[in-house]
Full PDB file with SEQRES, HELIX, SHEET, SSBOND, CRYST1, ORIGX, SCALE, CONECT and MASTER records, all heavy atoms in Angstrom:
SEQRES   1 A   30  GLU PHE ASP ALA ASP ALA ILE PRO VAL PRO THR ASP VAL          
SEQRES   2 A   30  ARG LEU CYS ASP ALA ASP THR ILE SER VAL GLY HIS VAL          
SEQRES   3 A   30  PRO LEU ARG VAL                                              
HELIX    1 AA1 ALA A    4  ALA A    6  5                                   3    
SHEET    1 AA1 2 THR A  20  VAL A  23  0                                        
SHEET    2 AA1 2 VAL A  26  ARG A  29 -1                                        
CRYST1    1.000    1.000    1.000  90.00  90.00  90.00 P 1           1          
ORIGX1      1.000000  0.000000  0.000000        0.00000                         
ORIGX2      0.000000  1.000000  0.000000        0.00000                         
ORIGX3      0.000000  0.000000  1.000000        0.00000                         
SCALE1      1.000000  0.000000  0.000000        0.00000                         
SCALE2      0.000000  1.000000  0.000000        0.00000                         
SCALE3      0.000000  0.000000  1.000000        0.00000                         
ATOM      1  N   GLU A   1     -30.800 -43.040 -20.249  1.00  0.00           N  
ATOM      2  CA  GLU A   1     -30.755 -44.538 -20.299  1.00  0.00           C  
ATOM      3  C   GLU A   1     -29.727 -44.995 -21.349  1.00  0.00           C  
ATOM      4  O   GLU A   1     -29.153 -46.070 -21.270  1.00  0.00           O  
ATOM      5  CB  GLU A   1     -32.049 -45.096 -20.901  1.00  0.00           C  
ATOM      6  CG  GLU A   1     -32.617 -44.442 -22.227  1.00  0.00           C  
ATOM      7  CD  GLU A   1     -33.873 -45.175 -22.608  1.00  0.00           C  
ATOM      8  OE1 GLU A   1     -34.106 -46.377 -22.364  1.00  0.00           O  
ATOM      9  OE2 GLU A   1     -34.700 -44.448 -23.411  1.00  0.00           O  
ATOM     10  N   PHE A   2     -29.371 -44.142 -22.384  1.00  0.00           N  
ATOM     11  CA  PHE A   2     -28.418 -44.421 -23.437  1.00  0.00           C  
ATOM     12  C   PHE A   2     -26.941 -44.084 -23.011  1.00  0.00           C  
ATOM     13  O   PHE A   2     -26.075 -44.336 -23.704  1.00  0.00           O  
ATOM     14  CB  PHE A   2     -28.752 -43.830 -24.694  1.00  0.00           C  
ATOM     15  CG  PHE A   2     -30.215 -44.362 -25.205  1.00  0.00           C  
ATOM     16  CD1 PHE A   2     -31.165 -43.450 -25.250  1.00  0.00           C  
ATOM     17  CD2 PHE A   2     -30.289 -45.588 -25.587  1.00  0.00           C  
ATOM     18  CE1 PHE A   2     -32.417 -43.885 -25.682  1.00  0.00           C  
ATOM     19  CE2 PHE A   2     -31.535 -46.030 -26.010  1.00  0.00           C  
ATOM     20  CZ  PHE A   2     -32.587 -45.198 -26.096  1.00  0.00           C  
ATOM     21  N   ASP A   3     -26.779 -43.363 -21.877  1.00  0.00           N  
ATOM     22  CA  ASP A   3     -25.387 -43.137 -21.375  1.00  0.00           C  
ATOM     23  C   ASP A   3     -25.099 -43.823 -20.103  1.00  0.00           C  
ATOM     24  O   ASP A   3     -23.855 -43.943 -19.672  1.00  0.00           O  
ATOM     25  CB  ASP A   3     -25.231 -41.594 -21.051  1.00  0.00           C  
ATOM     26  CG  ASP A   3     -24.839 -40.868 -22.326  1.00  0.00           C  
ATOM     27  OD1 ASP A   3     -24.794 -41.392 -23.366  1.00  0.00           O  
ATOM     28  OD2 ASP A   3     -24.505 -39.625 -22.126  1.00  0.00           O  
ATOM     29  N   ALA A   4     -26.068 -44.460 -19.499  1.00  0.00           N  
ATOM     30  CA  ALA A   4     -25.896 -45.034 -18.162  1.00  0.00           C  
ATOM     31  C   ALA A   4     -24.793 -46.075 -18.106  1.00  0.00           C  
ATOM     32  O   ALA A   4     -23.990 -46.144 -17.166  1.00  0.00           O  
ATOM     33  CB  ALA A   4     -27.190 -45.578 -17.688  1.00  0.00           C  
ATOM     34  N   ASP A   5     -24.601 -46.942 -19.121  1.00  0.00           N  
ATOM     35  CA  ASP A   5     -23.764 -48.111 -19.118  1.00  0.00           C  
ATOM     36  C   ASP A   5     -22.299 -47.534 -19.296  1.00  0.00           C  
ATOM     37  O   ASP A   5     -21.376 -48.304 -18.948  1.00  0.00           O  
ATOM     38  CB  ASP A   5     -24.020 -49.031 -20.183  1.00  0.00           C  
ATOM     39  CG  ASP A   5     -25.315 -49.825 -19.863  1.00  0.00           C  
ATOM     40  OD1 ASP A   5     -25.713 -49.889 -18.694  1.00  0.00           O  
ATOM     41  OD2 ASP A   5     -25.982 -50.421 -20.800  1.00  0.00           O  
ATOM     42  N   ALA A   6     -22.153 -46.350 -19.747  1.00  0.00           N  
ATOM     43  CA  ALA A   6     -20.824 -45.876 -19.878  1.00  0.00           C  
ATOM     44  C   ALA A   6     -20.262 -45.050 -18.754  1.00  0.00           C  
ATOM     45  O   ALA A   6     -19.043 -44.472 -18.687  1.00  0.00           O  
ATOM     46  CB  ALA A   6     -20.704 -44.939 -21.188  1.00  0.00           C  
ATOM     47  N   ILE A   7     -21.108 -44.937 -17.732  1.00  0.00           N  
ATOM     48  CA  ILE A   7     -20.762 -44.175 -16.520  1.00  0.00           C  
ATOM     49  C   ILE A   7     -20.323 -45.283 -15.451  1.00  0.00           C  
ATOM     50  O   ILE A   7     -21.046 -46.134 -15.124  1.00  0.00           O  
ATOM     51  CB  ILE A   7     -21.901 -43.317 -15.960  1.00  0.00           C  
ATOM     52  CG1 ILE A   7     -22.339 -42.337 -16.961  1.00  0.00           C  
ATOM     53  CG2 ILE A   7     -21.481 -42.737 -14.525  1.00  0.00           C  
ATOM     54  CD1 ILE A   7     -23.632 -41.544 -16.629  1.00  0.00           C  
ATOM     55  N   PRO A   8     -19.069 -45.207 -14.985  1.00  0.00           N  
ATOM     56  CA  PRO A   8     -18.547 -46.296 -14.075  1.00  0.00           C  
ATOM     57  C   PRO A   8     -19.079 -46.339 -12.673  1.00  0.00           C  
ATOM     58  O   PRO A   8     -18.289 -46.808 -11.720  1.00  0.00           O  
ATOM     59  CB  PRO A   8     -17.044 -46.065 -14.139  1.00  0.00           C  
ATOM     60  CG  PRO A   8     -16.947 -44.637 -14.376  1.00  0.00           C  
ATOM     61  CD  PRO A   8     -18.062 -44.226 -15.152  1.00  0.00           C  
ATOM     62  N   VAL A   9     -20.253 -45.825 -12.476  1.00  0.00           N  
ATOM     63  CA  VAL A   9     -20.927 -45.888 -11.240  1.00  0.00           C  
ATOM     64  C   VAL A   9     -22.311 -46.378 -11.505  1.00  0.00           C  
ATOM     65  O   VAL A   9     -22.982 -45.897 -12.397  1.00  0.00           O  
ATOM     66  CB  VAL A   9     -20.998 -44.486 -10.496  1.00  0.00           C  
ATOM     67  CG1 VAL A   9     -21.729 -44.590  -9.147  1.00  0.00           C  
ATOM     68  CG2 VAL A   9     -19.533 -43.977 -10.178  1.00  0.00           C  
ATOM     69  N   PRO A  10     -22.796 -47.478 -10.892  1.00  0.00           N  
ATOM     70  CA  PRO A  10     -24.127 -48.056 -11.142  1.00  0.00           C  
ATOM     71  C   PRO A  10     -25.209 -46.960 -11.128  1.00  0.00           C  
ATOM     72  O   PRO A  10     -25.274 -46.097 -10.267  1.00  0.00           O  
ATOM     73  CB  PRO A  10     -24.307 -49.095  -9.993  1.00  0.00           C  
ATOM     74  CG  PRO A  10     -23.010 -49.451  -9.704  1.00  0.00           C  
ATOM     75  CD  PRO A  10     -22.161 -48.257  -9.777  1.00  0.00           C  
ATOM     76  N   THR A  11     -26.100 -46.958 -12.157  1.00  0.00           N  
ATOM     77  CA  THR A  11     -27.187 -45.956 -12.275  1.00  0.00           C  
ATOM     78  C   THR A  11     -28.440 -46.677 -11.698  1.00  0.00           C  
ATOM     79  O   THR A  11     -28.826 -47.679 -12.238  1.00  0.00           O  
ATOM     80  CB  THR A  11     -27.462 -45.603 -13.714  1.00  0.00           C  
ATOM     81  OG1 THR A  11     -26.203 -44.908 -14.210  1.00  0.00           O  
ATOM     82  CG2 THR A  11     -28.559 -44.689 -13.853  1.00  0.00           C  
ATOM     83  N   ASP A  12     -28.965 -46.021 -10.737  1.00  0.00           N  
ATOM     84  CA  ASP A  12     -30.294 -46.558 -10.062  1.00  0.00           C  
ATOM     85  C   ASP A  12     -31.436 -46.298 -10.889  1.00  0.00           C  
ATOM     86  O   ASP A  12     -32.410 -46.948 -10.981  1.00  0.00           O  
ATOM     87  CB  ASP A  12     -30.418 -45.979  -8.702  1.00  0.00           C  
ATOM     88  CG  ASP A  12     -29.247 -46.312  -7.739  1.00  0.00           C  
ATOM     89  OD1 ASP A  12     -28.796 -47.530  -7.791  1.00  0.00           O  
ATOM     90  OD2 ASP A  12     -28.783 -45.504  -7.089  1.00  0.00           O  
ATOM     91  N   VAL A  13     -31.467 -45.081 -11.564  1.00  0.00           N  
ATOM     92  CA  VAL A  13     -32.685 -44.646 -12.288  1.00  0.00           C  
ATOM     93  C   VAL A  13     -32.230 -44.222 -13.759  1.00  0.00           C  
ATOM     94  O   VAL A  13     -31.433 -43.330 -13.879  1.00  0.00           O  
ATOM     95  CB  VAL A  13     -33.406 -43.380 -11.651  1.00  0.00           C  
ATOM     96  CG1 VAL A  13     -34.597 -42.974 -12.394  1.00  0.00           C  
ATOM     97  CG2 VAL A  13     -33.725 -43.793 -10.148  1.00  0.00           C  
ATOM     98  N   ARG A  14     -32.707 -44.899 -14.699  1.00  0.00           N  
ATOM     99  CA  ARG A  14     -32.471 -44.518 -16.075  1.00  0.00           C  
ATOM    100  C   ARG A  14     -33.502 -43.657 -16.661  1.00  0.00           C  
ATOM    101  O   ARG A  14     -34.685 -44.068 -16.622  1.00  0.00           O  
ATOM    102  CB  ARG A  14     -32.296 -45.853 -16.911  1.00  0.00           C  
ATOM    103  CG  ARG A  14     -31.080 -46.719 -16.532  1.00  0.00           C  
ATOM    104  CD  ARG A  14     -31.043 -48.044 -17.170  1.00  0.00           C  
ATOM    105  NE  ARG A  14     -29.806 -48.759 -16.782  1.00  0.00           N  
ATOM    106  CZ  ARG A  14     -28.842 -49.052 -17.683  1.00  0.00           C  
ATOM    107  NH1 ARG A  14     -28.917 -48.585 -19.012  1.00  0.00           N  
ATOM    108  NH2 ARG A  14     -27.773 -49.725 -17.246  1.00  0.00           N  
ATOM    109  N   LEU A  15     -33.063 -42.424 -17.068  1.00  0.00           N  
ATOM    110  CA  LEU A  15     -34.012 -41.445 -17.456  1.00  0.00           C  
ATOM    111  C   LEU A  15     -34.392 -41.589 -18.920  1.00  0.00           C  
ATOM    112  O   LEU A  15     -33.379 -41.692 -19.769  1.00  0.00           O  
ATOM    113  CB  LEU A  15     -33.442 -40.082 -17.092  1.00  0.00           C  
ATOM    114  CG  LEU A  15     -33.121 -39.854 -15.665  1.00  0.00           C  
ATOM    115  CD1 LEU A  15     -32.372 -38.599 -15.414  1.00  0.00           C  
ATOM    116  CD2 LEU A  15     -34.388 -39.856 -14.737  1.00  0.00           C  
ATOM    117  N   CYS A  16     -35.578 -41.372 -19.286  1.00  0.00           N  
ATOM    118  CA  CYS A  16     -35.971 -41.396 -20.707  1.00  0.00           C  
ATOM    119  C   CYS A  16     -36.603 -40.074 -20.994  1.00  0.00           C  
ATOM    120  O   CYS A  16     -37.050 -39.315 -20.045  1.00  0.00           O  
ATOM    121  CB  CYS A  16     -37.051 -42.465 -20.876  1.00  0.00           C  
ATOM    122  SG  CYS A  16     -36.388 -44.168 -20.571  1.00  0.00           S  
ATOM    123  N   ASP A  17     -36.780 -39.709 -22.261  1.00  0.00           N  
ATOM    124  CA  ASP A  17     -37.371 -38.420 -22.642  1.00  0.00           C  
ATOM    125  C   ASP A  17     -38.837 -38.308 -22.104  1.00  0.00           C  
ATOM    126  O   ASP A  17     -39.591 -39.332 -22.171  1.00  0.00           O  
ATOM    127  CB  ASP A  17     -37.499 -38.424 -24.243  1.00  0.00           C  
ATOM    128  CG  ASP A  17     -37.664 -37.039 -24.739  1.00  0.00           C  
ATOM    129  OD1 ASP A  17     -37.086 -36.114 -24.308  1.00  0.00           O  
ATOM    130  OD2 ASP A  17     -38.652 -36.869 -25.598  1.00  0.00           O  
ATOM    131  N   ALA A  18     -39.061 -37.195 -21.658  1.00  0.00           N  
ATOM    132  CA  ALA A  18     -40.496 -36.802 -21.011  1.00  0.00           C  
ATOM    133  C   ALA A  18     -40.721 -37.435 -19.667  1.00  0.00           C  
ATOM    134  O   ALA A  18     -41.764 -37.311 -19.094  1.00  0.00           O  
ATOM    135  CB  ALA A  18     -41.543 -37.202 -21.994  1.00  0.00           C  
ATOM    136  N   ASP A  19     -39.737 -38.132 -19.068  1.00  0.00           N  
ATOM    137  CA  ASP A  19     -39.862 -38.609 -17.636  1.00  0.00           C  
ATOM    138  C   ASP A  19     -39.816 -37.427 -16.749  1.00  0.00           C  
ATOM    139  O   ASP A  19     -39.479 -36.414 -17.124  1.00  0.00           O  
ATOM    140  CB  ASP A  19     -38.645 -39.458 -17.317  1.00  0.00           C  
ATOM    141  CG  ASP A  19     -38.740 -40.921 -17.700  1.00  0.00           C  
ATOM    142  OD1 ASP A  19     -39.837 -41.342 -18.304  1.00  0.00           O  
ATOM    143  OD2 ASP A  19     -37.734 -41.625 -17.556  1.00  0.00           O  
ATOM    144  N   THR A  20     -40.316 -37.697 -15.613  1.00  0.00           N  
ATOM    145  CA  THR A  20     -40.267 -36.667 -14.496  1.00  0.00           C  
ATOM    146  C   THR A  20     -39.369 -37.247 -13.369  1.00  0.00           C  
ATOM    147  O   THR A  20     -39.551 -38.329 -12.871  1.00  0.00           O  
ATOM    148  CB  THR A  20     -41.600 -36.303 -14.030  1.00  0.00           C  
ATOM    149  OG1 THR A  20     -42.448 -35.717 -15.074  1.00  0.00           O  
ATOM    150  CG2 THR A  20     -41.577 -35.249 -12.787  1.00  0.00           C  
ATOM    151  N   ILE A  21     -38.497 -36.385 -12.898  1.00  0.00           N  
ATOM    152  CA  ILE A  21     -37.782 -36.772 -11.636  1.00  0.00           C  
ATOM    153  C   ILE A  21     -37.933 -35.609 -10.682  1.00  0.00           C  
ATOM    154  O   ILE A  21     -37.831 -34.422 -11.088  1.00  0.00           O  
ATOM    155  CB  ILE A  21     -36.286 -37.031 -11.911  1.00  0.00           C  
ATOM    156  CG1 ILE A  21     -35.510 -37.549 -10.689  1.00  0.00           C  
ATOM    157  CG2 ILE A  21     -35.509 -35.869 -12.519  1.00  0.00           C  
ATOM    158  CD1 ILE A  21     -34.207 -38.263 -10.975  1.00  0.00           C  
ATOM    159  N   SER A  22     -38.206 -35.868  -9.423  1.00  0.00           N  
ATOM    160  CA  SER A  22     -38.623 -34.744  -8.568  1.00  0.00           C  
ATOM    161  C   SER A  22     -37.559 -34.682  -7.385  1.00  0.00           C  
ATOM    162  O   SER A  22     -36.857 -35.538  -7.094  1.00  0.00           O  
ATOM    163  CB  SER A  22     -39.916 -35.113  -7.762  1.00  0.00           C  
ATOM    164  OG  SER A  22     -40.963 -35.081  -8.879  1.00  0.00           O  
ATOM    165  N   VAL A  23     -37.504 -33.359  -7.002  1.00  0.00           N  
ATOM    166  CA  VAL A  23     -36.723 -33.004  -5.684  1.00  0.00           C  
ATOM    167  C   VAL A  23     -37.818 -32.460  -4.790  1.00  0.00           C  
ATOM    168  O   VAL A  23     -38.279 -31.369  -4.948  1.00  0.00           O  
ATOM    169  CB  VAL A  23     -35.646 -32.041  -6.044  1.00  0.00           C  
ATOM    170  CG1 VAL A  23     -36.003 -30.793  -6.845  1.00  0.00           C  
ATOM    171  CG2 VAL A  23     -34.888 -31.697  -4.720  1.00  0.00           C  
ATOM    172  N   GLY A  24     -38.187 -33.202  -3.763  1.00  0.00           N  
ATOM    173  CA  GLY A  24     -39.228 -32.918  -2.912  1.00  0.00           C  
ATOM    174  C   GLY A  24     -40.565 -32.783  -3.647  1.00  0.00           C  
ATOM    175  O   GLY A  24     -40.883 -33.653  -4.382  1.00  0.00           O  
ATOM    176  N   HIS A  25     -41.176 -31.581  -3.571  1.00  0.00           N  
ATOM    177  CA  HIS A  25     -42.344 -31.350  -4.211  1.00  0.00           C  
ATOM    178  C   HIS A  25     -42.188 -30.678  -5.618  1.00  0.00           C  
ATOM    179  O   HIS A  25     -43.170 -30.257  -6.222  1.00  0.00           O  
ATOM    180  CB  HIS A  25     -43.387 -30.435  -3.479  1.00  0.00           C  
ATOM    181  CG  HIS A  25     -43.695 -31.084  -2.196  1.00  0.00           C  
ATOM    182  ND1 HIS A  25     -44.054 -32.424  -2.046  1.00  0.00           N  
ATOM    183  CD2 HIS A  25     -44.087 -30.542  -0.909  1.00  0.00           C  
ATOM    184  CE1 HIS A  25     -44.424 -32.715  -0.804  1.00  0.00           C  
ATOM    185  NE2 HIS A  25     -44.374 -31.618  -0.118  1.00  0.00           N  
ATOM    186  N   VAL A  26     -40.929 -30.572  -6.031  1.00  0.00           N  
ATOM    187  CA  VAL A  26     -40.662 -29.872  -7.297  1.00  0.00           C  
ATOM    188  C   VAL A  26     -40.308 -30.916  -8.346  1.00  0.00           C  
ATOM    189  O   VAL A  26     -39.356 -31.648  -8.311  1.00  0.00           O  
ATOM    190  CB  VAL A  26     -39.385 -28.930  -7.104  1.00  0.00           C  
ATOM    191  CG1 VAL A  26     -39.032 -28.314  -8.347  1.00  0.00           C  
ATOM    192  CG2 VAL A  26     -39.729 -27.921  -5.980  1.00  0.00           C  
ATOM    193  N   PRO A  27     -41.227 -30.876  -9.421  1.00  0.00           N  
ATOM    194  CA  PRO A  27     -40.909 -31.804 -10.508  1.00  0.00           C  
ATOM    195  C   PRO A  27     -40.007 -31.251 -11.537  1.00  0.00           C  
ATOM    196  O   PRO A  27     -39.984 -30.007 -11.908  1.00  0.00           O  
ATOM    197  CB  PRO A  27     -42.386 -32.003 -11.122  1.00  0.00           C  
ATOM    198  CG  PRO A  27     -43.012 -30.666 -10.828  1.00  0.00           C  
ATOM    199  CD  PRO A  27     -42.463 -30.158  -9.586  1.00  0.00           C  
ATOM    200  N   LEU A  28     -39.191 -32.083 -12.131  1.00  0.00           N  
ATOM    201  CA  LEU A  28     -38.122 -31.637 -13.124  1.00  0.00           C  
ATOM    202  C   LEU A  28     -38.374 -32.643 -14.405  1.00  0.00           C  
ATOM    203  O   LEU A  28     -38.486 -33.881 -14.209  1.00  0.00           O  
ATOM    204  CB  LEU A  28     -36.743 -31.946 -12.661  1.00  0.00           C  
ATOM    205  CG  LEU A  28     -36.371 -31.130 -11.422  1.00  0.00           C  
ATOM    206  CD1 LEU A  28     -34.963 -31.687 -10.917  1.00  0.00           C  
ATOM    207  CD2 LEU A  28     -36.391 -29.732 -11.629  1.00  0.00           C  
ATOM    208  N   ARG A  29     -38.665 -32.041 -15.506  1.00  0.00           N  
ATOM    209  CA  ARG A  29     -39.048 -32.689 -16.704  1.00  0.00           C  
ATOM    210  C   ARG A  29     -37.693 -33.141 -17.424  1.00  0.00           C  
ATOM    211  O   ARG A  29     -36.832 -32.272 -17.647  1.00  0.00           O  
ATOM    212  CB  ARG A  29     -39.965 -31.878 -17.574  1.00  0.00           C  
ATOM    213  CG  ARG A  29     -40.236 -32.578 -19.000  1.00  0.00           C  
ATOM    214  CD  ARG A  29     -41.543 -31.912 -19.563  1.00  0.00           C  
ATOM    215  NE  ARG A  29     -41.294 -30.423 -19.592  1.00  0.00           N  
ATOM    216  CZ  ARG A  29     -40.795 -29.726 -20.645  1.00  0.00           C  
ATOM    217  NH1 ARG A  29     -40.320 -30.395 -21.636  1.00  0.00           N  
ATOM    218  NH2 ARG A  29     -40.735 -28.437 -20.633  1.00  0.00           N  
ATOM    219  N   VAL A  30     -37.648 -34.277 -17.869  1.00  0.00           N  
ATOM    220  CA  VAL A  30     -36.336 -34.798 -18.577  1.00  0.00           C  
ATOM    221  C   VAL A  30     -36.490 -34.582 -20.145  1.00  0.00           C  
ATOM    222  O   VAL A  30     -37.589 -34.958 -20.609  1.00  0.00           O  
ATOM    223  CB  VAL A  30     -36.210 -36.375 -18.320  1.00  0.00           C  
ATOM    224  CG1 VAL A  30     -34.921 -36.825 -19.051  1.00  0.00           C  
ATOM    225  CG2 VAL A  30     -35.999 -36.540 -16.864  1.00  0.00           C  
TER     226      VAL A  30                                                      
MASTER        0    0    0    1    2    0    0    6  225    1    0    3          
END                                                                             
């Protein structure tokens, strides 16, 4: 979330500490 605005491609999902983002059935902890 604190780097998204500095990346020149729009960010759809802003990640915060302890969030989970998944690939299929596999969870990845942020």
